[in-house]
PDB file of all heavy atoms in Angstrom:
ATOM      1  N   ALA A   1     -48.470-149.006 -57.884  1.00  0.00           N
ATOM      2  CA  ALA A   1     -47.008-149.273 -57.950  1.00  0.00           C
ATOM      3  C   ALA A   1     -46.852-150.736 -57.908  1.00  0.00           C
ATOM      4  O   ALA A   1     -45.766-151.269 -58.454  1.00  0.00           O
ATOM      5  CB  ALA A   1     -46.203-148.457 -56.956  1.00  0.00           C
ATOM      6  N   GLY A   2     -47.546-151.537 -57.164  1.00  0.00           N
ATOM      7  CA  GLY A   2     -47.375-152.981 -57.198  1.00  0.00           C
ATOM      8  C   GLY A   2     -46.300-153.554 -56.375  1.00  0.00           C
ATOM      9  O   GLY A   2     -45.872-154.692 -56.545  1.00  0.00           O
ATOM     10  N   VAL A   3     -45.783-152.670 -55.470  1.00  0.00           N
ATOM     11  CA  VAL A   3     -44.711-153.136 -54.601  1.00  0.00           C
ATOM     12  C   VAL A   3     -45.123-153.322 -53.211  1.00  0.00           C
ATOM     13  O   VAL A   3     -45.530-152.308 -52.538  1.00  0.00           O
ATOM     14  CB  VAL A   3     -43.464-152.172 -54.636  1.00  0.00           C
ATOM     15  CG1 VAL A   3     -42.355-152.704 -53.751  1.00  0.00           C
ATOM     16  CG2 VAL A   3     -42.913-152.018 -56.049  1.00  0.00           C
ATOM     17  N   PRO A   4     -45.194-154.504 -52.627  1.00  0.00           N
ATOM     18  CA  PRO A   4     -45.631-154.662 -51.225  1.00  0.00           C
ATOM     19  C   PRO A   4     -44.736-154.114 -50.189  1.00  0.00           C
ATOM     20  O   PRO A   4     -43.428-153.926 -50.540  1.00  0.00           O
ATOM     21  CB  PRO A   4     -45.724-156.208 -51.042  1.00  0.00           C
ATOM     22  CG  PRO A   4     -44.778-156.788 -52.100  1.00  0.00           C
ATOM     23  CD  PRO A   4     -44.715-155.723 -53.256  1.00  0.00           C
ATOM     24  N   ILE A   5     -45.065-153.990 -48.984  1.00  0.00           N
ATOM     25  CA  ILE A   5     -44.159-153.494 -47.977  1.00  0.00           C
ATOM     26  C   ILE A   5     -43.057-154.502 -47.757  1.00  0.00           C
ATOM     27  O   ILE A   5     -43.263-155.662 -47.527  1.00  0.00           O
ATOM     28  CB  ILE A   5     -44.945-153.325 -46.643  1.00  0.00           C
ATOM     29  CG1 ILE A   5     -46.061-152.280 -46.807  1.00  0.00           C
ATOM     30  CG2 ILE A   5     -44.056-152.906 -45.528  1.00  0.00           C
ATOM     31  CD1 ILE A   5     -46.925-152.142 -45.688  1.00  0.00           C
ATOM     32  N   PRO A   6     -41.774-154.166 -47.871  1.00  0.00           N
ATOM     33  CA  PRO A   6     -40.681-155.071 -47.706  1.00  0.00           C
ATOM     34  C   PRO A   6     -40.738-155.751 -46.335  1.00  0.00           C
ATOM     35  O   PRO A   6     -40.950-155.045 -45.299  1.00  0.00           O
ATOM     36  CB  PRO A   6     -39.439-154.265 -47.830  1.00  0.00           C
ATOM     37  CG  PRO A   6     -39.910-153.030 -48.640  1.00  0.00           C
ATOM     38  CD  PRO A   6     -41.306-152.726 -48.240  1.00  0.00           C
ATOM     39  N   GLU A   7     -40.471-157.023 -46.230  1.00  0.00           N
ATOM     40  CA  GLU A   7     -40.529-157.725 -45.010  1.00  0.00           C
ATOM     41  C   GLU A   7     -39.463-157.190 -43.980  1.00  0.00           C
ATOM     42  O   GLU A   7     -39.727-157.166 -42.761  1.00  0.00           O
ATOM     43  CB  GLU A   7     -40.340-159.146 -45.199  1.00  0.00           C
ATOM     44  CG  GLU A   7     -38.985-159.598 -45.808  1.00  0.00           C
ATOM     45  CD  GLU A   7     -38.877-161.143 -45.801  1.00  0.00           C
ATOM     46  OE1 GLU A   7     -39.893-161.737 -46.207  1.00  0.00           O
ATOM     47  OE2 GLU A   7     -37.820-161.636 -45.584  1.00  0.00           O
ATOM     48  N   TYR A   8     -38.303-156.740 -44.485  1.00  0.00           N
ATOM     49  CA  TYR A   8     -37.301-156.198 -43.636  1.00  0.00           C
ATOM     50  C   TYR A   8     -37.737-154.885 -42.951  1.00  0.00           C
ATOM     51  O   TYR A   8     -37.282-154.582 -41.802  1.00  0.00           O
ATOM     52  CB  TYR A   8     -36.013-155.782 -44.415  1.00  0.00           C
ATOM     53  CG  TYR A   8     -35.512-156.868 -45.276  1.00  0.00           C
ATOM     54  CD1 TYR A   8     -35.480-156.628 -46.687  1.00  0.00           C
ATOM     55  CD2 TYR A   8     -34.994-158.075 -44.826  1.00  0.00           C
ATOM     56  CE1 TYR A   8     -34.944-157.627 -47.552  1.00  0.00           C
ATOM     57  CE2 TYR A   8     -34.545-158.965 -45.681  1.00  0.00           C
ATOM     58  CZ  TYR A   8     -34.412-158.817 -47.089  1.00  0.00           C
ATOM     59  OH  TYR A   8     -33.987-159.808 -47.783  1.00  0.00           O
ATOM     60  N   LEU A   9     -38.701-154.219 -43.561  1.00  0.00           N
ATOM     61  CA  LEU A   9     -39.135-152.824 -42.978  1.00  0.00           C
ATOM     62  C   LEU A   9     -39.845-153.153 -41.640  1.00  0.00           C
ATOM     63  O   LEU A   9     -39.686-152.295 -40.661  1.00  0.00           O
ATOM     64  CB  LEU A   9     -40.065-152.201 -44.051  1.00  0.00           C
ATOM     65  CG  LEU A   9     -40.653-150.770 -43.570  1.00  0.00           C
ATOM     66  CD1 LEU A   9     -39.518-149.824 -43.100  1.00  0.00           C
ATOM     67  CD2 LEU A   9     -41.386-150.216 -44.735  1.00  0.00           C
ATOM     68  N   GLY A  10     -40.586-154.132 -41.606  1.00  0.00           N
ATOM     69  CA  GLY A  10     -41.284-154.529 -40.283  1.00  0.00           C
ATOM     70  C   GLY A  10     -40.303-154.764 -39.140  1.00  0.00           C
ATOM     71  O   GLY A  10     -40.436-154.258 -38.074  1.00  0.00           O
ATOM     72  N   ASP A  11     -39.178-155.425 -39.468  1.00  0.00           N
ATOM     73  CA  ASP A  11     -38.116-155.695 -38.525  1.00  0.00           C
ATOM     74  C   ASP A  11     -37.434-154.315 -38.025  1.00  0.00           C
ATOM     75  O   ASP A  11     -37.214-154.111 -36.818  1.00  0.00           O
ATOM     76  CB  ASP A  11     -36.989-156.515 -39.044  1.00  0.00           C
ATOM     77  CG  ASP A  11     -37.401-157.909 -39.325  1.00  0.00           C
ATOM     78  OD1 ASP A  11     -38.539-158.359 -38.832  1.00  0.00           O
ATOM     79  OD2 ASP A  11     -36.765-158.649 -40.057  1.00  0.00           O
ATOM     80  N   SER A  12     -37.359-153.399 -38.990  1.00  0.00           N
ATOM     81  CA  SER A  12     -36.770-152.131 -38.640  1.00  0.00           C
ATOM     82  C   SER A  12     -37.566-151.331 -37.702  1.00  0.00           C
ATOM     83  O   SER A  12     -37.148-150.700 -36.763  1.00  0.00           O
ATOM     84  CB  SER A  12     -36.454-151.245 -39.949  1.00  0.00           C
ATOM     85  OG  SER A  12     -35.563-152.023 -40.813  1.00  0.00           O
ATOM     86  N   LEU A  13     -38.884-151.321 -37.962  1.00  0.00           N
ATOM     87  CA  LEU A  13     -39.841-150.639 -37.149  1.00  0.00           C
ATOM     88  C   LEU A  13     -39.864-151.246 -35.684  1.00  0.00           C
ATOM     89  O   LEU A  13     -39.982-150.385 -34.694  1.00  0.00           O
ATOM     90  CB  LEU A  13     -41.272-150.740 -37.760  1.00  0.00           C
ATOM     91  CG  LEU A  13     -41.489-149.837 -38.979  1.00  0.00           C
ATOM     92  CD1 LEU A  13     -42.825-150.193 -39.679  1.00  0.00           C
ATOM     93  CD2 LEU A  13     -41.662-148.349 -38.398  1.00  0.00           C
ATOM     94  N   VAL A  14     -39.896-152.547 -35.509  1.00  0.00           N
ATOM     95  CA  VAL A  14     -39.878-153.183 -34.303  1.00  0.00           C
ATOM     96  C   VAL A  14     -38.508-152.815 -33.509  1.00  0.00           C
ATOM     97  O   VAL A  14     -38.531-152.418 -32.293  1.00  0.00           O
ATOM     98  CB  VAL A  14     -40.085-154.715 -34.350  1.00  0.00           C
ATOM     99  CG1 VAL A  14     -39.862-155.278 -32.979  1.00  0.00           C
ATOM    100  CG2 VAL A  14     -41.335-155.049 -34.932  1.00  0.00           C
ATOM    101  N   ARG A  15     -37.464-152.962 -34.224  1.00  0.00           N
ATOM    102  CA  ARG A  15     -36.147-152.717 -33.604  1.00  0.00           C
ATOM    103  C   ARG A  15     -35.952-151.272 -33.088  1.00  0.00           C
ATOM    104  O   ARG A  15     -35.599-151.054 -31.962  1.00  0.00           O
ATOM    105  CB  ARG A  15     -34.962-153.012 -34.604  1.00  0.00           C
ATOM    106  CG  ARG A  15     -33.604-152.869 -34.109  1.00  0.00           C
ATOM    107  CD  ARG A  15     -32.600-153.299 -35.059  1.00  0.00           C
ATOM    108  NE  ARG A  15     -32.626-152.590 -36.339  1.00  0.00           N
ATOM    109  CZ  ARG A  15     -33.105-153.064 -37.415  1.00  0.00           C
ATOM    110  NH1 ARG A  15     -33.533-154.305 -37.581  1.00  0.00           N
ATOM    111  NH2 ARG A  15     -33.143-152.337 -38.484  1.00  0.00           N
ATOM    112  N   VAL A  16     -36.325-150.239 -33.867  1.00  0.00           N
ATOM    113  CA  VAL A  16     -36.143-148.861 -33.549  1.00  0.00           C
ATOM    114  C   VAL A  16     -37.132-148.489 -32.498  1.00  0.00           C
ATOM    115  O   VAL A  16     -36.870-147.656 -31.624  1.00  0.00           O
ATOM    116  CB  VAL A  16     -36.210-147.979 -34.796  1.00  0.00           C
ATOM    117  CG1 VAL A  16     -36.070-146.527 -34.409  1.00  0.00           C
ATOM    118  CG2 VAL A  16     -34.983-148.389 -35.718  1.00  0.00           C
ATOM    119  N   ALA A  17     -38.345-148.994 -32.685  1.00  0.00           N
ATOM    120  CA  ALA A  17     -39.335-148.623 -31.588  1.00  0.00           C
ATOM    121  C   ALA A  17     -38.941-149.137 -30.243  1.00  0.00           C
ATOM    122  O   ALA A  17     -39.029-148.457 -29.206  1.00  0.00           O
ATOM    123  CB  ALA A  17     -40.785-149.238 -31.936  1.00  0.00           C
ATOM    124  N   ARG A  18     -38.278-150.349 -30.225  1.00  0.00           N
ATOM    125  CA  ARG A  18     -37.707-150.850 -28.906  1.00  0.00           C
ATOM    126  C   ARG A  18     -36.636-149.967 -28.317  1.00  0.00           C
ATOM    127  O   ARG A  18     -36.512-149.645 -27.183  1.00  0.00           O
ATOM    128  CB  ARG A  18     -37.270-152.313 -29.032  1.00  0.00           C
ATOM    129  CG  ARG A  18     -38.419-153.279 -29.155  1.00  0.00           C
ATOM    130  CD  ARG A  18     -37.719-154.748 -29.275  1.00  0.00           C
ATOM    131  NE  ARG A  18     -38.716-155.798 -29.411  1.00  0.00           N
ATOM    132  CZ  ARG A  18     -38.477-157.032 -29.637  1.00  0.00           C
ATOM    133  NH1 ARG A  18     -37.198-157.361 -29.694  1.00  0.00           N
ATOM    134  NH2 ARG A  18     -39.354-157.977 -29.635  1.00  0.00           N
ATOM    135  N   LYS A  19     -35.766-149.565 -29.359  1.00  0.00           N
ATOM    136  CA  LYS A  19     -34.673-148.655 -28.884  1.00  0.00           C
ATOM    137  C   LYS A  19     -35.124-147.344 -28.261  1.00  0.00           C
ATOM    138  O   LYS A  19     -34.462-146.824 -27.367  1.00  0.00           O
ATOM    139  CB  LYS A  19     -33.816-148.403 -30.165  1.00  0.00           C
ATOM    140  CG  LYS A  19     -32.493-147.666 -29.889  1.00  0.00           C
ATOM    141  CD  LYS A  19     -31.425-148.633 -29.344  1.00  0.00           C
ATOM    142  CE  LYS A  19     -30.064-147.879 -29.138  1.00  0.00           C
ATOM    143  NZ  LYS A  19     -29.159-148.775 -28.513  1.00  0.00           N
ATOM    144  N   LEU A  20     -36.192-146.801 -28.817  1.00  0.00           N
ATOM    145  CA  LEU A  20     -36.741-145.634 -28.342  1.00  0.00           C
ATOM    146  C   LEU A  20     -37.633-145.786 -27.084  1.00  0.00           C
ATOM    147  O   LEU A  20     -38.110-144.733 -26.484  1.00  0.00           O
ATOM    148  CB  LEU A  20     -37.537-144.907 -29.462  1.00  0.00           C
ATOM    149  CG  LEU A  20     -36.709-144.326 -30.604  1.00  0.00           C
ATOM    150  CD1 LEU A  20     -37.592-143.956 -31.723  1.00  0.00           C
ATOM    151  CD2 LEU A  20     -35.890-143.095 -30.181  1.00  0.00           C
ATOM    152  N   GLY A  21     -37.889-147.089 -26.694  1.00  0.00           N
ATOM    153  CA  GLY A  21     -38.764-147.287 -25.645  1.00  0.00           C
ATOM    154  C   GLY A  21     -40.302-147.157 -25.926  1.00  0.00           C
ATOM    155  O   GLY A  21     -41.111-147.032 -25.019  1.00  0.00           O
ATOM    156  N   PHE A  22     -40.629-147.266 -27.280  1.00  0.00           N
ATOM    157  CA  PHE A  22     -42.008-147.191 -27.590  1.00  0.00           C
ATOM    158  C   PHE A  22     -42.653-148.573 -27.542  1.00  0.00           C
ATOM    159  O   PHE A  22     -42.717-149.248 -28.574  1.00  0.00           O
ATOM    160  CB  PHE A  22     -42.046-146.669 -29.033  1.00  0.00           C
ATOM    161  CG  PHE A  22     -41.642-145.256 -29.240  1.00  0.00           C
ATOM    162  CD1 PHE A  22     -41.334-144.768 -30.546  1.00  0.00           C
ATOM    163  CD2 PHE A  22     -41.416-144.457 -28.108  1.00  0.00           C
ATOM    164  CE1 PHE A  22     -40.895-143.450 -30.696  1.00  0.00           C
ATOM    165  CE2 PHE A  22     -41.040-143.084 -28.322  1.00  0.00           C
ATOM    166  CZ  PHE A  22     -40.716-142.587 -29.651  1.00  0.00           C
ATOM    167  N   THR A  23     -42.852-149.055 -26.385  1.00  0.00           N
ATOM    168  CA  THR A  23     -43.226-150.484 -26.150  1.00  0.00           C
ATOM    169  C   THR A  23     -44.537-150.800 -26.867  1.00  0.00           C
ATOM    170  O   THR A  23     -44.702-151.927 -27.363  1.00  0.00           O
ATOM    171  CB  THR A  23     -43.405-150.754 -24.681  1.00  0.00           C
ATOM    172  OG1 THR A  23     -44.270-149.831 -24.108  1.00  0.00           O
ATOM    173  CG2 THR A  23     -41.953-150.685 -24.016  1.00  0.00           C
ATOM    174  N   GLU A  24     -45.504-149.918 -26.846  1.00  0.00           N
ATOM    175  CA  GLU A  24     -46.835-150.183 -27.428  1.00  0.00           C
ATOM    176  C   GLU A  24     -46.727-150.255 -29.008  1.00  0.00           C
ATOM    177  O   GLU A  24     -47.212-151.211 -29.609  1.00  0.00           O
ATOM    178  CB  GLU A  24     -47.813-149.039 -27.131  1.00  0.00           C
ATOM    179  CG  GLU A  24     -49.226-149.309 -27.628  1.00  0.00           C
ATOM    180  CD  GLU A  24     -50.155-148.288 -27.128  1.00  0.00           C
ATOM    181  OE1 GLU A  24     -49.897-147.540 -26.181  1.00  0.00           O
ATOM    182  OE2 GLU A  24     -51.205-148.152 -27.778  1.00  0.00           O
ATOM    183  N   GLU A  25     -45.916-149.278 -29.585  1.00  0.00           N
ATOM    184  CA  GLU A  25     -45.714-149.348 -31.015  1.00  0.00           C
ATOM    185  C   GLU A  25     -44.885-150.567 -31.403  1.00  0.00           C
ATOM    186  O   GLU A  25     -45.155-151.233 -32.425  1.00  0.00           O
ATOM    187  CB  GLU A  25     -45.025-148.097 -31.525  1.00  0.00           C
ATOM    188  CG  GLU A  25     -45.804-146.853 -31.512  1.00  0.00           C
ATOM    189  CD  GLU A  25     -45.799-146.180 -30.148  1.00  0.00           C
ATOM    190  OE1 GLU A  25     -45.371-146.763 -29.141  1.00  0.00           O
ATOM    191  OE2 GLU A  25     -46.184-145.028 -30.113  1.00  0.00           O
ATOM    192  N   ALA A  26     -43.916-150.932 -30.603  1.00  0.00           N
ATOM    193  CA  ALA A  26     -43.123-152.109 -30.841  1.00  0.00           C
ATOM    194  C   ALA A  26     -43.982-153.440 -30.876  1.00  0.00           C
ATOM    195  O   ALA A  26     -43.881-154.259 -31.780  1.00  0.00           O
ATOM    196  CB  ALA A  26     -41.937-152.282 -29.835  1.00  0.00           C
ATOM    197  N   ALA A  27     -44.817-153.503 -29.938  1.00  0.00           N
ATOM    198  CA  ALA A  27     -45.849-154.620 -29.885  1.00  0.00           C
ATOM    199  C   ALA A  27     -46.754-154.688 -30.969  1.00  0.00           C
ATOM    200  O   ALA A  27     -46.951-155.803 -31.552  1.00  0.00           O
ATOM    201  CB  ALA A  27     -46.552-154.635 -28.521  1.00  0.00           C
ATOM    202  N   ASP A  28     -47.227-153.556 -31.393  1.00  0.00           N
ATOM    203  CA  ASP A  28     -48.104-153.437 -32.558  1.00  0.00           C
ATOM    204  C   ASP A  28     -47.355-153.916 -33.809  1.00  0.00           C
ATOM    205  O   ASP A  28     -47.923-154.670 -34.638  1.00  0.00           O
ATOM    206  CB  ASP A  28     -48.712-151.997 -32.714  1.00  0.00           C
ATOM    207  CG  ASP A  28     -49.737-151.685 -31.670  1.00  0.00           C
ATOM    208  OD1 ASP A  28     -50.219-152.547 -30.983  1.00  0.00           O
ATOM    209  OD2 ASP A  28     -49.898-150.429 -31.461  1.00  0.00           O
ATOM    210  N   TYR A  29     -46.166-153.396 -34.088  1.00  0.00           N
ATOM    211  CA  TYR A  29     -45.459-153.808 -35.354  1.00  0.00           C
ATOM    212  C   TYR A  29     -45.102-155.222 -35.267  1.00  0.00           C
ATOM    213  O   TYR A  29     -45.067-155.920 -36.304  1.00  0.00           O
ATOM    214  CB  TYR A  29     -44.322-152.851 -35.470  1.00  0.00           C
ATOM    215  CG  TYR A  29     -44.667-151.457 -35.974  1.00  0.00           C
ATOM    216  CD1 TYR A  29     -44.208-150.409 -35.263  1.00  0.00           C
ATOM    217  CD2 TYR A  29     -45.433-151.280 -37.065  1.00  0.00           C
ATOM    218  CE1 TYR A  29     -44.595-149.122 -35.703  1.00  0.00           C
ATOM    219  CE2 TYR A  29     -45.740-150.018 -37.520  1.00  0.00           C
ATOM    220  CZ  TYR A  29     -45.299-148.888 -36.834  1.00  0.00           C
ATOM    221  OH  TYR A  29     -45.668-147.678 -37.228  1.00  0.00           O
ATOM    222  N   GLN A  30     -44.665-155.723 -34.102  1.00  0.00           N
ATOM    223  CA  GLN A  30     -44.361-157.175 -33.912  1.00  0.00           C
ATOM    224  C   GLN A  30     -45.592-158.060 -34.318  1.00  0.00           C
ATOM    225  O   GLN A  30     -45.440-159.088 -34.896  1.00  0.00           O
ATOM    226  CB  GLN A  30     -43.757-157.431 -32.629  1.00  0.00           C
ATOM    227  CG  GLN A  30     -43.326-158.953 -32.470  1.00  0.00           C
ATOM    228  CD  GLN A  30     -42.524-159.084 -31.163  1.00  0.00           C
ATOM    229  OE1 GLN A  30     -41.680-158.307 -30.828  1.00  0.00           O
ATOM    230  NE2 GLN A  30     -42.889-160.274 -30.518  1.00  0.00           N
ATOM    231  N   ALA A  31     -46.638-157.608 -33.909  1.00  0.00           N
ATOM    232  CA  ALA A  31     -47.894-158.377 -34.135  1.00  0.00           C
ATOM    233  C   ALA A  31     -48.245-158.363 -35.610  1.00  0.00           C
ATOM    234  O   ALA A  31     -48.692-159.387 -36.218  1.00  0.00           O
ATOM    235  CB  ALA A  31     -49.132-157.740 -33.426  1.00  0.00           C
ATOM    236  N   LEU A  32     -47.817-157.322 -36.352  1.00  0.00           N
ATOM    237  CA  LEU A  32     -48.049-157.219 -37.841  1.00  0.00           C
ATOM    238  C   LEU A  32     -47.001-158.059 -38.615  1.00  0.00           C
ATOM    239  O   LEU A  32     -47.250-158.695 -39.575  1.00  0.00           O
ATOM    240  CB  LEU A  32     -48.042-155.779 -38.301  1.00  0.00           C
ATOM    241  CG  LEU A  32     -49.294-155.000 -38.129  1.00  0.00           C
ATOM    242  CD1 LEU A  32     -49.061-153.518 -38.376  1.00  0.00           C
ATOM    243  CD2 LEU A  32     -50.411-155.579 -38.927  1.00  0.00           C
ATOM    244  N   TYR A  33     -45.682-157.823 -38.158  1.00  0.00           N
ATOM    245  CA  TYR A  33     -44.611-158.342 -38.994  1.00  0.00           C
ATOM    246  C   TYR A  33     -43.843-159.535 -38.342  1.00  0.00           C
ATOM    247  O   TYR A  33     -42.853-159.977 -39.028  1.00  0.00           O
ATOM    248  CB  TYR A  33     -43.717-157.163 -39.334  1.00  0.00           C
ATOM    249  CG  TYR A  33     -44.323-156.112 -40.091  1.00  0.00           C
ATOM    250  CD1 TYR A  33     -44.606-154.788 -39.436  1.00  0.00           C
ATOM    251  CD2 TYR A  33     -44.745-156.235 -41.355  1.00  0.00           C
ATOM    252  CE1 TYR A  33     -45.260-153.804 -40.078  1.00  0.00           C
ATOM    253  CE2 TYR A  33     -45.354-155.212 -42.040  1.00  0.00           C
ATOM    254  CZ  TYR A  33     -45.592-153.983 -41.429  1.00  0.00           C
ATOM    255  OH  TYR A  33     -46.310-152.984 -42.036  1.00  0.00           O
ATOM    256  N   GLY A  34     -44.067-159.883 -37.212  1.00  0.00           N
ATOM    257  CA  GLY A  34     -43.381-161.049 -36.598  1.00  0.00           C
ATOM    258  C   GLY A  34     -42.337-160.626 -35.670  1.00  0.00           C
ATOM    259  O   GLY A  34     -41.935-159.445 -35.547  1.00  0.00           O
ATOM    260  N   ALA A  35     -41.804-161.635 -34.994  1.00  0.00           N
ATOM    261  CA  ALA A  35     -40.827-161.293 -33.924  1.00  0.00           C
ATOM    262  C   ALA A  35     -39.497-160.952 -34.617  1.00  0.00           C
ATOM    263  O   ALA A  35     -39.160-161.351 -35.698  1.00  0.00           O
ATOM    264  CB  ALA A  35     -40.613-162.621 -33.142  1.00  0.00           C
ATOM    265  N   LEU A  36     -38.750-160.132 -33.908  1.00  0.00           N
ATOM    266  CA  LEU A  36     -37.528-159.697 -34.377  1.00  0.00           C
ATOM    267  C   LEU A  36     -36.452-160.678 -34.309  1.00  0.00           C
ATOM    268  O   LEU A  36     -36.246-161.368 -33.330  1.00  0.00           O
ATOM    269  CB  LEU A  36     -37.027-158.391 -33.601  1.00  0.00           C
ATOM    270  CG  LEU A  36     -35.848-157.591 -34.086  1.00  0.00           C
ATOM    271  CD1 LEU A  36     -36.149-156.917 -35.393  1.00  0.00           C
ATOM    272  CD2 LEU A  36     -35.455-156.528 -33.021  1.00  0.00           C
ATOM    273  N   PRO A  37     -35.753-160.911 -35.486  1.00  0.00           N
ATOM    274  CA  PRO A  37     -34.607-161.949 -35.436  1.00  0.00           C
ATOM    275  C   PRO A  37     -33.560-161.697 -34.445  1.00  0.00           C
ATOM    276  O   PRO A  37     -33.218-160.412 -34.193  1.00  0.00           O
ATOM    277  CB  PRO A  37     -34.109-161.967 -36.805  1.00  0.00           C
ATOM    278  CG  PRO A  37     -35.151-161.307 -37.658  1.00  0.00           C
ATOM    279  CD  PRO A  37     -35.894-160.324 -36.711  1.00  0.00           C
ATOM    280  N   GLU A  38     -32.908-162.661 -33.859  1.00  0.00           N
ATOM    281  CA  GLU A  38     -31.851-162.421 -32.972  1.00  0.00           C
ATOM    282  C   GLU A  38     -30.555-162.590 -33.675  1.00  0.00           C
ATOM    283  O   GLU A  38     -30.310-163.539 -34.348  1.00  0.00           O
ATOM    284  CB  GLU A  38     -31.869-163.409 -31.740  1.00  0.00           C
ATOM    285  CG  GLU A  38     -33.149-163.265 -30.871  1.00  0.00           C
ATOM    286  CD  GLU A  38     -33.046-161.976 -30.097  1.00  0.00           C
ATOM    287  OE1 GLU A  38     -31.956-161.433 -29.826  1.00  0.00           O
ATOM    288  OE2 GLU A  38     -34.200-161.547 -29.687  1.00  0.00           O
ATOM    289  N   TYR A  39     -29.663-161.561 -33.612  1.00  0.00           N
ATOM    290  CA  TYR A  39     -28.395-161.589 -34.246  1.00  0.00           C
ATOM    291  C   TYR A  39     -27.213-161.868 -33.246  1.00  0.00           C
ATOM    292  O   TYR A  39     -27.310-161.301 -32.145  1.00  0.00           O
ATOM    293  CB  TYR A  39     -28.106-160.302 -35.038  1.00  0.00           C
ATOM    294  CG  TYR A  39     -29.101-160.035 -36.077  1.00  0.00           C
ATOM    295  CD1 TYR A  39     -29.916-158.874 -36.001  1.00  0.00           C
ATOM    296  CD2 TYR A  39     -29.245-160.861 -37.163  1.00  0.00           C
ATOM    297  CE1 TYR A  39     -30.876-158.588 -37.048  1.00  0.00           C
ATOM    298  CE2 TYR A  39     -30.130-160.590 -38.223  1.00  0.00           C
ATOM    299  CZ  TYR A  39     -30.926-159.480 -38.128  1.00  0.00           C
ATOM    300  OH  TYR A  39     -31.796-159.280 -39.134  1.00  0.00           O
ATOM    301  N   PRO A  40     -26.365-162.701 -33.566  1.00  0.00           N
ATOM    302  CA  PRO A  40     -25.209-162.990 -32.675  1.00  0.00           C
ATOM    303  C   PRO A  40     -24.374-161.677 -32.451  1.00  0.00           C
ATOM    304  O   PRO A  40     -24.418-160.776 -33.251  1.00  0.00           O
ATOM    305  CB  PRO A  40     -24.428-164.107 -33.335  1.00  0.00           C
ATOM    306  CG  PRO A  40     -25.317-164.667 -34.358  1.00  0.00           C
ATOM    307  CD  PRO A  40     -26.251-163.563 -34.719  1.00  0.00           C
ATOM    308  N   GLU A  41     -23.489-161.732 -31.474  1.00  0.00           N
ATOM    309  CA  GLU A  41     -22.521-160.656 -31.269  1.00  0.00           C
ATOM    310  C   GLU A  41     -21.517-160.668 -32.413  1.00  0.00           C
ATOM    311  O   GLU A  41     -21.253-161.663 -33.022  1.00  0.00           O
ATOM    312  CB  GLU A  41     -21.873-160.826 -29.877  1.00  0.00           C
ATOM    313  CG  GLU A  41     -22.842-160.496 -28.636  1.00  0.00           C
ATOM    314  CD  GLU A  41     -22.105-160.502 -27.346  1.00  0.00           C
ATOM    315  OE1 GLU A  41     -20.804-160.606 -27.405  1.00  0.00           O
ATOM    316  OE2 GLU A  41     -22.724-160.476 -26.347  1.00  0.00           O
ATOM    317  N   ASN A  42     -20.867-159.519 -32.545  1.00  0.00           N
ATOM    318  CA  ASN A  42     -19.943-159.306 -33.612  1.00  0.00           C
ATOM    319  C   ASN A  42     -20.402-159.631 -34.980  1.00  0.00           C
ATOM    320  O   ASN A  42     -19.614-160.060 -35.855  1.00  0.00           O
ATOM    321  CB  ASN A  42     -18.657-160.211 -33.315  1.00  0.00           C
ATOM    322  CG  ASN A  42     -17.994-159.958 -31.991  1.00  0.00           C
ATOM    323  OD1 ASN A  42     -17.939-158.728 -31.566  1.00  0.00           O
ATOM    324  ND2 ASN A  42     -17.620-160.948 -31.334  1.00  0.00           N
TER     325      ASN A  42
END
């Protein structure tokens, strides 16, 4: 298909894994896709 994994998808995996308390999975995905960006309030 020629479509790479979207870079946003890695952020989503890290964010939701953290929300669920999946610390090991969150660390693994962060190692693959980088640190989760910090968004301001509002």
